[in-house]
Amino acid sequence: MRLLLDTHIWIWNFVIKALENEKNEIWLSPISVWEALILIEKGRIILNIPPEQWVEQALEQAPVKTAPLTK
């Protein structure tokens, strides 16, 4: 099989490898949580549980550290 990758997929290939590398610490910006909540509010993400509960569960399940929000 031959696969022709567009730029987006080609770059994501490197991101996935970095995410899978156990030597890397993975951090999540609090702005990402805020952006997800905005998308939920706008109806672009549909949940079957309250948004706050979803965020809590997502943070528990993902192997990420939450970065502090600083100036």
Protein backbone atom coordinates (compact mmCIF):
# COMPACT_ATOMS: atom_id res chain seq x y z
CA MET A 1 0.00 0.00 0.00
CA ARG A 2 1.21 3.52 -0.77
CA LEU A 3 0.18 6.42 1.41
CA LEU A 4 0.56 10.05 0.35
CA LEU A 5 0.74 12.25 3.44
CA ASP A 6 -0.34 15.86 3.45
CA THR A 7 1.61 18.36 5.57
CA HIS A 8 -0.74 18.06 8.55
CA ILE A 9 -0.38 14.28 8.80
CA TRP A 10 3.36 14.41 8.12
CA ILE A 11 3.90 16.81 11.05
CA TRP A 12 1.54 14.85 13.32
CA ASN A 13 3.67 11.78 12.68
CA PHE A 14 6.47 13.49 14.64
CA VAL A 15 4.09 14.65 17.35
CA ILE A 16 2.76 11.12 17.86
CA LYS A 17 6.29 9.76 18.17
CA ALA A 18 7.10 12.41 20.78
CA LEU A 19 3.90 11.61 22.70
CA GLU A 20 4.69 7.89 22.70
CA ASN A 21 8.23 8.41 23.99
CA GLU A 22 8.08 7.57 27.70
CA LYS A 23 11.11 9.81 28.37
CA ASN A 24 9.06 12.91 27.53
CA GLU A 25 6.93 14.77 30.07
CA ILE A 26 3.64 15.80 28.55
CA TRP A 27 2.14 19.08 29.72
CA LEU A 28 -1.26 20.59 29.02
CA SER A 29 -1.87 24.32 28.96
CA PRO A 30 -4.83 25.55 31.03
CA ILE A 31 -5.76 27.54 27.91
CA SER A 32 -6.43 24.21 26.16
CA VAL A 33 -8.99 23.32 28.83
CA TRP A 34 -10.55 26.76 28.43
CA GLU A 35 -10.70 26.34 24.63
CA ALA A 36 -12.35 22.93 25.00
CA LEU A 37 -14.97 24.45 27.32
CA ILE A 38 -15.68 27.17 24.74
CA LEU A 39 -16.15 24.54 22.02
CA ILE A 40 -18.54 22.65 24.31
CA GLU A 41 -20.43 25.87 25.01
CA LYS A 42 -20.74 26.58 21.27
CA GLY A 43 -22.03 23.05 20.63
CA ARG A 44 -19.00 22.03 18.55
CA ILE A 45 -18.22 19.30 21.09
CA ILE A 46 -21.20 17.33 22.40
CA LEU A 47 -20.90 15.59 25.77
CA ASN A 48 -23.19 13.25 27.65
CA ILE A 49 -21.89 14.46 31.02
CA PRO A 50 -21.40 17.94 32.49
CA PRO A 51 -18.34 19.75 31.07
CA GLU A 52 -16.63 20.06 34.45
CA GLN A 53 -16.96 16.30 35.00
CA TRP A 54 -15.62 15.62 31.49
CA VAL A 55 -12.55 17.82 32.09
CA GLU A 56 -11.88 16.12 35.42
CA GLN A 57 -12.14 12.65 33.87
CA ALA A 58 -10.06 13.61 30.83
CA LEU A 59 -7.26 14.95 33.03
CA GLU A 60 -7.33 11.79 35.17
CA GLN A 61 -7.14 9.49 32.13
CA ALA A 62 -4.52 11.37 30.12
CA PRO A 63 -0.89 11.09 31.12
CA VAL A 64 -0.43 14.86 31.27
CA LYS A 65 0.63 17.43 33.80
CA THR A 66 -1.28 20.68 33.86
CA ALA A 67 0.93 23.70 33.42
CA PRO A 68 0.33 26.65 35.72
CA LEU A 69 -1.16 29.80 34.27
CA THR A 70 1.34 32.59 34.79
CA LYS A 71 1.83 36.15 33.61
